[in-house]
Amino acid sequence: QPVVRKDTAEYEIMVYSDHDRSGYWSSITTVRVRLRILDRLGNVRATSKGESSAWEYQSWADEDKLCEDAARRAVLNLK
């Protein structure tokens, strides 16, 4: 059974947003997000948004999902 870790780390993640305010699609956005690593399987939970270098996402839920998906991949790559 995986050991549950309570580490908190700050990641700076490059993600693709659906669009920005000026209507361009697939713009690259850097998001700095604080994540709590829940276990060795790479399950993470965003504990704060931090800041974004580009315009808003369509919804905060989309940003949460993008950040957590990217962070999960990053954690798995550290194994």
PDB file of N, CA and C in Angstrom:
ATOM      1  N   GLN A   1       0.852  -1.193   0.000  1.00  0.00           N
ATOM      2  CA  GLN A   1       0.000   0.000   0.000  1.00  0.00           C
ATOM      3  C   GLN A   1       0.889   1.244   0.000  1.00  0.00           C
ATOM      4  N   PRO A   2       0.548   2.209  -0.854  1.00  0.00           N
ATOM      5  CA  PRO A   2       1.399   3.406  -0.954  1.00  0.00           C
ATOM      6  C   PRO A   2       1.439   4.185   0.354  1.00  0.00           C
ATOM      7  N   VAL A   3       2.599   4.713   0.656  1.00  0.00           N
ATOM      8  CA  VAL A   3       2.725   5.579   1.823  1.00  0.00           C
ATOM      9  C   VAL A   3       2.147   6.943   1.454  1.00  0.00           C
ATOM     10  N   VAL A   4       1.251   7.438   2.280  1.00  0.00           N
ATOM     11  CA  VAL A   4       0.640   8.737   2.009  1.00  0.00           C
ATOM     12  C   VAL A   4       1.627   9.828   2.389  1.00  0.00           C
ATOM     13  N   ARG A   5       1.906  10.698   1.449  1.00  0.00           N
ATOM     14  CA  ARG A   5       2.832  11.809   1.696  1.00  0.00           C
ATOM     15  C   ARG A   5       2.031  13.090   1.826  1.00  0.00           C
ATOM     16  N   LYS A   6       2.487  13.964   2.705  1.00  0.00           N
ATOM     17  CA  LYS A   6       1.799  15.235   2.905  1.00  0.00           C
ATOM     18  C   LYS A   6       2.658  16.399   2.413  1.00  0.00           C
ATOM     19  N   ASP A   7       3.496  16.114   1.442  1.00  0.00           N
ATOM     20  CA  ASP A   7       4.382  17.161   0.937  1.00  0.00           C
ATOM     21  C   ASP A   7       3.579  18.210   0.185  1.00  0.00           C
ATOM     22  N   THR A   8       4.025  19.433   0.303  1.00  0.00           N
ATOM     23  CA  THR A   8       3.453  20.509  -0.488  1.00  0.00           C
ATOM     24  C   THR A   8       4.574  21.101  -1.326  1.00  0.00           C
ATOM     25  N   ALA A   9       4.316  21.249  -2.602  1.00  0.00           N
ATOM     26  CA  ALA A   9       5.338  21.766  -3.497  1.00  0.00           C
ATOM     27  C   ALA A   9       4.725  22.814  -4.404  1.00  0.00           C
ATOM     28  N   GLU A  10       5.577  23.692  -4.910  1.00  0.00           N
ATOM     29  CA  GLU A  10       5.108  24.696  -5.850  1.00  0.00           C
ATOM     30  C   GLU A  10       5.671  24.360  -7.223  1.00  0.00           C
ATOM     31  N   TYR A  11       4.796  24.266  -8.196  1.00  0.00           N
ATOM     32  CA  TYR A  11       5.186  23.907  -9.551  1.00  0.00           C
ATOM     33  C   TYR A  11       4.934  25.085 -10.478  1.00  0.00           C
ATOM     34  N   GLU A  12       5.779  25.225 -11.466  1.00  0.00           N
ATOM     35  CA  GLU A  12       5.501  26.162 -12.547  1.00  0.00           C
ATOM     36  C   GLU A  12       5.289  25.317 -13.788  1.00  0.00           C
ATOM     37  N   ILE A  13       4.095  25.352 -14.322  1.00  0.00           N
ATOM     38  CA  ILE A  13       3.662  24.387 -15.313  1.00  0.00           C
ATOM     39  C   ILE A  13       3.260  25.107 -16.593  1.00  0.00           C
ATOM     40  N   MET A  14       3.733  24.587 -17.720  1.00  0.00           N
ATOM     41  CA  MET A  14       3.295  25.098 -19.013  1.00  0.00           C
ATOM     42  C   MET A  14       2.070  24.306 -19.447  1.00  0.00           C
ATOM     43  N   VAL A  15       0.981  24.997 -19.732  1.00  0.00           N
ATOM     44  CA  VAL A  15      -0.233  24.323 -20.171  1.00  0.00           C
ATOM     45  C   VAL A  15      -0.806  25.070 -21.374  1.00  0.00           C
ATOM     46  N   TYR A  16      -1.658  24.398 -22.108  1.00  0.00           N
ATOM     47  CA  TYR A  16      -2.365  25.039 -23.209  1.00  0.00           C
ATOM     48  C   TYR A  16      -3.752  25.440 -22.732  1.00  0.00           C
ATOM     49  N   SER A  17      -4.078  26.710 -22.938  1.00  0.00           N
ATOM     50  CA  SER A  17      -5.430  27.146 -22.617  1.00  0.00           C
ATOM     51  C   SER A  17      -6.261  27.088 -23.901  1.00  0.00           C
ATOM     52  N   ASP A  18      -7.574  27.010 -23.733  1.00  0.00           N
ATOM     53  CA  ASP A  18      -8.446  26.917 -24.900  1.00  0.00           C
ATOM     54  C   ASP A  18      -8.410  28.198 -25.724  1.00  0.00           C
ATOM     55  N   HIS A  19      -8.417  29.311 -25.060  1.00  0.00           N
ATOM     56  CA  HIS A  19      -8.359  30.580 -25.785  1.00  0.00           C
ATOM     57  C   HIS A  19      -7.993  31.675 -24.800  1.00  0.00           C
ATOM     58  N   ASP A  20      -7.531  32.793 -25.336  1.00  0.00           N
ATOM     59  CA  ASP A  20      -7.282  33.931 -24.460  1.00  0.00           C
ATOM     60  C   ASP A  20      -8.272  35.037 -24.811  1.00  0.00           C
ATOM     61  N   ARG A  21      -8.134  36.153 -24.168  1.00  0.00           N
ATOM     62  CA  ARG A  21      -9.129  37.215 -24.287  1.00  0.00           C
ATOM     63  C   ARG A  21      -9.229  37.753 -25.720  1.00  0.00           C
ATOM     64  N   SER A  22      -8.115  37.704 -26.461  1.00  0.00           N
ATOM     65  CA  SER A  22      -8.136  38.256 -27.816  1.00  0.00           C
ATOM     66  C   SER A  22      -8.605  37.234 -28.846  1.00  0.00           C
ATOM     67  N   GLY A  23      -8.982  36.048 -28.390  1.00  0.00           N
ATOM     68  CA  GLY A  23      -9.598  35.100 -29.302  1.00  0.00           C
ATOM     69  C   GLY A  23      -8.665  34.089 -29.931  1.00  0.00           C
ATOM     70  N   TYR A  24      -7.358  34.157 -29.603  1.00  0.00           N
ATOM     71  CA  TYR A  24      -6.447  33.168 -30.165  1.00  0.00           C
ATOM     72  C   TYR A  24      -6.634  31.836 -29.453  1.00  0.00           C
ATOM     73  N   TRP A  25      -6.479  30.767 -30.207  1.00  0.00           N
ATOM     74  CA  TRP A  25      -6.670  29.434 -29.641  1.00  0.00           C
ATOM     75  C   TRP A  25      -5.337  28.790 -29.311  1.00  0.00           C
ATOM     76  N   SER A  26      -5.362  27.890 -28.349  1.00  0.00           N
ATOM     77  CA  SER A  26      -4.183  27.097 -27.981  1.00  0.00           C
ATOM     78  C   SER A  26      -2.990  27.964 -27.590  1.00  0.00           C
ATOM     79  N   SER A  27      -3.246  29.002 -26.826  1.00  0.00           N
ATOM     80  CA  SER A  27      -2.137  29.824 -26.351  1.00  0.00           C
ATOM     81  C   SER A  27      -1.446  29.110 -25.196  1.00  0.00           C
ATOM     82  N   ILE A  28      -0.128  29.275 -25.108  1.00  0.00           N
ATOM     83  CA  ILE A  28       0.628  28.629 -24.040  1.00  0.00           C
ATOM     84  C   ILE A  28       0.602  29.525 -22.812  1.00  0.00           C
ATOM     85  N   THR A  29       0.324  28.950 -21.686  1.00  0.00           N
ATOM     86  CA  THR A  29       0.212  29.683 -20.436  1.00  0.00           C
ATOM     87  C   THR A  29       1.109  29.038 -19.397  1.00  0.00           C
ATOM     88  N   THR A  30       1.826  29.863 -18.651  1.00  0.00           N
ATOM     89  CA  THR A  30       2.577  29.343 -17.513  1.00  0.00           C
ATOM     90  C   THR A  30       1.763  29.589 -16.252  1.00  0.00           C
ATOM     91  N   VAL A  31       1.495  28.539 -15.521  1.00  0.00           N
ATOM     92  CA  VAL A  31       0.715  28.648 -14.294  1.00  0.00           C
ATOM     93  C   VAL A  31       1.575  28.192 -13.133  1.00  0.00           C
ATOM     94  N   ARG A  32       1.672  29.031 -12.120  1.00  0.00           N
ATOM     95  CA  ARG A  32       2.368  28.627 -10.902  1.00  0.00           C
ATOM     96  C   ARG A  32       1.306  28.205  -9.897  1.00  0.00           C
ATOM     97  N   VAL A  33       1.402  26.969  -9.465  1.00  0.00           N
ATOM     98  CA  VAL A  33       0.341  26.452  -8.597  1.00  0.00           C
ATOM     99  C   VAL A  33       0.971  25.689  -7.453  1.00  0.00           C
ATOM    100  N   ARG A  34       0.387  25.829  -6.278  1.00  0.00           N
ATOM    101  CA  ARG A  34       0.862  25.083  -5.107  1.00  0.00           C
ATOM    102  C   ARG A  34       0.032  23.808  -4.997  1.00  0.00           C
ATOM    103  N   LEU A  35       0.738  22.693  -4.884  1.00  0.00           N
ATOM    104  CA  LEU A  35       0.063  21.405  -4.886  1.00  0.00           C
ATOM    105  C   LEU A  35       0.451  20.592  -3.674  1.00  0.00           C
ATOM    106  N   ARG A  36      -0.494  19.853  -3.157  1.00  0.00           N
ATOM    107  CA  ARG A  36      -0.210  18.895  -2.101  1.00  0.00           C
ATOM    108  C   ARG A  36      -0.153  17.518  -2.749  1.00  0.00           C
ATOM    109  N   ILE A  37       1.003  16.853  -2.590  1.00  0.00           N
ATOM    110  CA  ILE A  37       1.166  15.517  -3.141  1.00  0.00           C
ATOM    111  C   ILE A  37       0.529  14.537  -2.166  1.00  0.00           C
ATOM    112  N   LEU A  38      -0.463  13.805  -2.627  1.00  0.00           N
ATOM    113  CA  LEU A  38      -1.224  12.947  -1.722  1.00  0.00           C
ATOM    114  C   LEU A  38      -0.627  11.554  -1.607  1.00  0.00           C
ATOM    115  N   ASP A  39      -0.028  11.059  -2.684  1.00  0.00           N
ATOM    116  CA  ASP A  39       0.539   9.716  -2.603  1.00  0.00           C
ATOM    117  C   ASP A  39       1.545   9.496  -3.721  1.00  0.00           C
ATOM    118  N   ARG A  40       2.202   8.362  -3.696  1.00  0.00           N
ATOM    119  CA  ARG A  40       3.251   8.071  -4.666  1.00  0.00           C
ATOM    120  C   ARG A  40       2.710   7.763  -6.053  1.00  0.00           C
ATOM    121  N   LEU A  41       1.416   7.610  -6.169  1.00  0.00           N
ATOM    122  CA  LEU A  41       0.827   7.359  -7.478  1.00  0.00           C
ATOM    123  C   LEU A  41       0.690   8.650  -8.275  1.00  0.00           C
ATOM    124  N   GLY A  42       1.037   9.762  -7.646  1.00  0.00           N
ATOM    125  CA  GLY A  42       0.978  11.028  -8.365  1.00  0.00           C
ATOM    126  C   GLY A  42      -0.325  11.765  -8.197  1.00  0.00           C
ATOM    127  N   ASN A  43      -1.141  11.340  -7.240  1.00  0.00           N
ATOM    128  CA  ASN A  43      -2.380  12.067  -6.990  1.00  0.00           C
ATOM    129  C   ASN A  43      -2.062  13.373  -6.271  1.00  0.00           C
ATOM    130  N   VAL A  44      -2.577  14.459  -6.800  1.00  0.00           N
ATOM    131  CA  VAL A  44      -2.270  15.771  -6.251  1.00  0.00           C
ATOM    132  C   VAL A  44      -3.560  16.559  -6.070  1.00  0.00           C
ATOM    133  N   ARG A  45      -3.466  17.594  -5.258  1.00  0.00           N
ATOM    134  CA  ARG A  45      -4.600  18.487  -5.068  1.00  0.00           C
ATOM    135  C   ARG A  45      -4.061  19.908  -5.042  1.00  0.00           C
ATOM    136  N   ALA A  46      -4.655  20.768  -5.849  1.00  0.00           N
ATOM    137  CA  ALA A  46      -4.227  22.159  -5.857  1.00  0.00           C
ATOM    138  C   ALA A  46      -4.723  22.837  -4.587  1.00  0.00           C
ATOM    139  N   THR A  47      -3.796  23.464  -3.844  1.00  0.00           N
ATOM    140  CA  THR A  47      -4.185  24.147  -2.616  1.00  0.00           C
ATOM    141  C   THR A  47      -4.248  25.657  -2.809  1.00  0.00           C
ATOM    142  N   SER A  48      -3.650  26.163  -3.883  1.00  0.00           N
ATOM    143  CA  SER A  48      -3.809  27.573  -4.215  1.00  0.00           C
ATOM    144  C   SER A  48      -3.489  27.766  -5.682  1.00  0.00           C
ATOM    145  N   LYS A  49      -4.110  28.775  -6.283  1.00  0.00           N
ATOM    146  CA  LYS A  49      -3.943  28.998  -7.705  1.00  0.00           C
ATOM    147  C   LYS A  49      -2.571  29.574  -8.038  1.00  0.00           C
ATOM    148  N   GLY A  50      -2.064  30.452  -7.166  1.00  0.00           N
ATOM    149  CA  GLY A  50      -0.857  31.149  -7.546  1.00  0.00           C
ATOM    150  C   GLY A  50      -1.181  32.187  -8.604  1.00  0.00           C
ATOM    151  N   GLU A  51      -0.343  32.272  -9.631  1.00  0.00           N
ATOM    152  CA  GLU A  51      -0.556  33.297 -10.639  1.00  0.00           C
ATOM    153  C   GLU A  51      -0.422  32.693 -12.025  1.00  0.00           C
ATOM    154  N   SER A  52      -1.009  33.379 -12.983  1.00  0.00           N
ATOM    155  CA  SER A  52      -0.968  32.926 -14.363  1.00  0.00           C
ATOM    156  C   SER A  52      -0.390  34.043 -15.214  1.00  0.00           C
ATOM    157  N   SER A  53       0.358  33.661 -16.254  1.00  0.00           N
ATOM    158  CA  SER A  53       1.013  34.669 -17.081  1.00  0.00           C
ATOM    159  C   SER A  53       0.149  35.094 -18.257  1.00  0.00           C
ATOM    160  N   ALA A  54      -1.017  34.494 -18.424  1.00  0.00           N
ATOM    161  CA  ALA A  54      -1.851  34.814 -19.583  1.00  0.00           C
ATOM    162  C   ALA A  54      -3.271  35.140 -19.135  1.00  0.00           C
ATOM    163  N   TRP A  55      -4.172  35.257 -20.107  1.00  0.00           N
ATOM    164  CA  TRP A  55      -5.540  35.624 -19.775  1.00  0.00           C
ATOM    165  C   TRP A  55      -6.259  34.466 -19.103  1.00  0.00           C
ATOM    166  N   GLU A  56      -7.500  34.740 -18.748  1.00  0.00           N
ATOM    167  CA  GLU A  56      -8.261  33.762 -17.973  1.00  0.00           C
ATOM    168  C   GLU A  56      -8.572  32.513 -18.792  1.00  0.00           C
ATOM    169  N   TYR A  57      -8.731  31.418 -18.102  1.00  0.00           N
ATOM    170  CA  TYR A  57      -9.265  30.223 -18.739  1.00  0.00           C
ATOM    171  C   TYR A  57     -10.772  30.365 -18.858  1.00  0.00           C
ATOM    172  N   GLN A  58     -11.370  29.426 -19.599  1.00  0.00           N
ATOM    173  CA  GLN A  58     -12.827  29.448 -19.695  1.00  0.00           C
ATOM    174  C   GLN A  58     -13.460  29.323 -18.318  1.00  0.00           C
ATOM    175  N   SER A  59     -12.871  28.523 -17.473  1.00  0.00           N
ATOM    176  CA  SER A  59     -13.399  28.401 -16.114  1.00  0.00           C
ATOM    177  C   SER A  59     -12.273  28.005 -15.186  1.00  0.00           C
ATOM    178  N   TRP A  60     -12.457  28.290 -13.905  1.00  0.00           N
ATOM    179  CA  TRP A  60     -11.441  27.893 -12.934  1.00  0.00           C
ATOM    180  C   TRP A  60     -11.318  26.383 -12.870  1.00  0.00           C
ATOM    181  N   ALA A  61     -12.408  25.686 -13.093  1.00  0.00           N
ATOM    182  CA  ALA A  61     -12.366  24.224 -13.054  1.00  0.00           C
ATOM    183  C   ALA A  61     -11.424  23.697 -14.135  1.00  0.00           C
ATOM    184  N   ASP A  62     -11.439  24.320 -15.307  1.00  0.00           N
ATOM    185  CA  ASP A  62     -10.530  23.909 -16.376  1.00  0.00           C
ATOM    186  C   ASP A  62      -9.088  24.099 -15.938  1.00  0.00           C
ATOM    187  N   GLU A  63      -8.804  25.218 -15.276  1.00  0.00           N
ATOM    188  CA  GLU A  63      -7.431  25.484 -14.842  1.00  0.00           C
ATOM    189  C   GLU A  63      -7.004  24.475 -13.780  1.00  0.00           C
ATOM    190  N   ASP A  64      -7.900  24.180 -12.841  1.00  0.00           N
ATOM    191  CA  ASP A  64      -7.586  23.173 -11.825  1.00  0.00           C
ATOM    192  C   ASP A  64      -7.220  21.853 -12.475  1.00  0.00           C
ATOM    193  N   LYS A  65      -8.012  21.449 -13.460  1.00  0.00           N
ATOM    194  CA  LYS A  65      -7.797  20.148 -14.089  1.00  0.00           C
ATOM    195  C   LYS A  65      -6.473  20.141 -14.844  1.00  0.00           C
ATOM    196  N   LEU A  66      -6.194  21.205 -15.589  1.00  0.00           N
ATOM    197  CA  LEU A  66      -4.940  21.273 -16.341  1.00  0.00           C
ATOM    198  C   LEU A  66      -3.745  21.235 -15.404  1.00  0.00           C
ATOM    199  N   CYS A  67      -3.815  21.998 -14.332  1.00  0.00           N
ATOM    200  CA  CYS A  67      -2.703  22.040 -13.383  1.00  0.00           C
ATOM    201  C   CYS A  67      -2.499  20.688 -12.730  1.00  0.00           C
ATOM    202  N   GLU A  68      -3.578  20.066 -12.309  1.00  0.00           N
ATOM    203  CA  GLU A  68      -3.439  18.803 -11.608  1.00  0.00           C
ATOM    204  C   GLU A  68      -2.974  17.702 -12.549  1.00  0.00           C
ATOM    205  N   ASP A  69      -3.457  17.713 -13.788  1.00  0.00           N
ATOM    206  CA  ASP A  69      -3.001  16.704 -14.749  1.00  0.00           C
ATOM    207  C   ASP A  69      -1.508  16.856 -15.017  1.00  0.00           C
ATOM    208  N   ALA A  70      -1.070  18.103 -15.211  1.00  0.00           N
ATOM    209  CA  ALA A  70       0.346  18.337 -15.497  1.00  0.00           C
ATOM    210  C   ALA A  70       1.210  17.985 -14.293  1.00  0.00           C
ATOM    211  N   ALA A  71       0.739  18.330 -13.106  1.00  0.00           N
ATOM    212  CA  ALA A  71       1.512  18.032 -11.906  1.00  0.00           C
ATOM    213  C   ALA A  71       1.574  16.533 -11.656  1.00  0.00           C
ATOM    214  N   ARG A  72       0.499  15.838 -11.953  1.00  0.00           N
ATOM    215  CA  ARG A  72       0.494  14.385 -11.777  1.00  0.00           C
ATOM    216  C   ARG A  72       1.563  13.752 -12.671  1.00  0.00           C
ATOM    217  N   ARG A  73       1.648  14.239 -13.917  1.00  0.00           N
ATOM    218  CA  ARG A  73       2.681  13.720 -14.821  1.00  0.00           C
ATOM    219  C   ARG A  73       4.069  14.036 -14.285  1.00  0.00           C
ATOM    220  N   ALA A  74       4.237  15.245 -13.748  1.00  0.00           N
ATOM    221  CA  ALA A  74       5.550  15.636 -13.228  1.00  0.00           C
ATOM    222  C   ALA A  74       5.948  14.755 -12.053  1.00  0.00           C
ATOM    223  N   VAL A  75       5.010  14.477 -11.157  1.00  0.00           N
ATOM    224  CA  VAL A  75       5.305  13.635 -10.000  1.00  0.00           C
ATOM    225  C   VAL A  75       5.659  12.227 -10.451  1.00  0.00           C
ATOM    226  N   LEU A  76       4.915  11.693 -11.403  1.00  0.00           N
ATOM    227  CA  LEU A  76       5.183  10.340 -11.882  1.00  0.00           C
ATOM    228  C   LEU A  76       6.551  10.262 -12.547  1.00  0.00           C
ATOM    229  N   ASN A  77       6.962  11.354 -13.198  1.00  0.00           N
ATOM    230  CA  ASN A  77       8.272  11.363 -13.860  1.00  0.00           C
ATOM    231  C   ASN A  77       9.417  11.390 -12.862  1.00  0.00           C
ATOM    232  N   LEU A  78       9.133  11.746 -11.607  1.00  0.00           N
ATOM    233  CA  LEU A  78      10.182  11.800 -10.589  1.00  0.00           C
ATOM    234  C   LEU A  78      10.452  10.436  -9.969  1.00  0.00           C
ATOM    235  N   LYS A  79       9.593   9.475 -10.249  1.00  0.00           N
ATOM    236  CA  LYS A  79       9.722   8.158  -9.620  1.00  0.00           C
ATOM    237  C   LYS A  79      10.971   7.431 -10.115  1.00  0.00           C
TER     238      LYS A  79
END
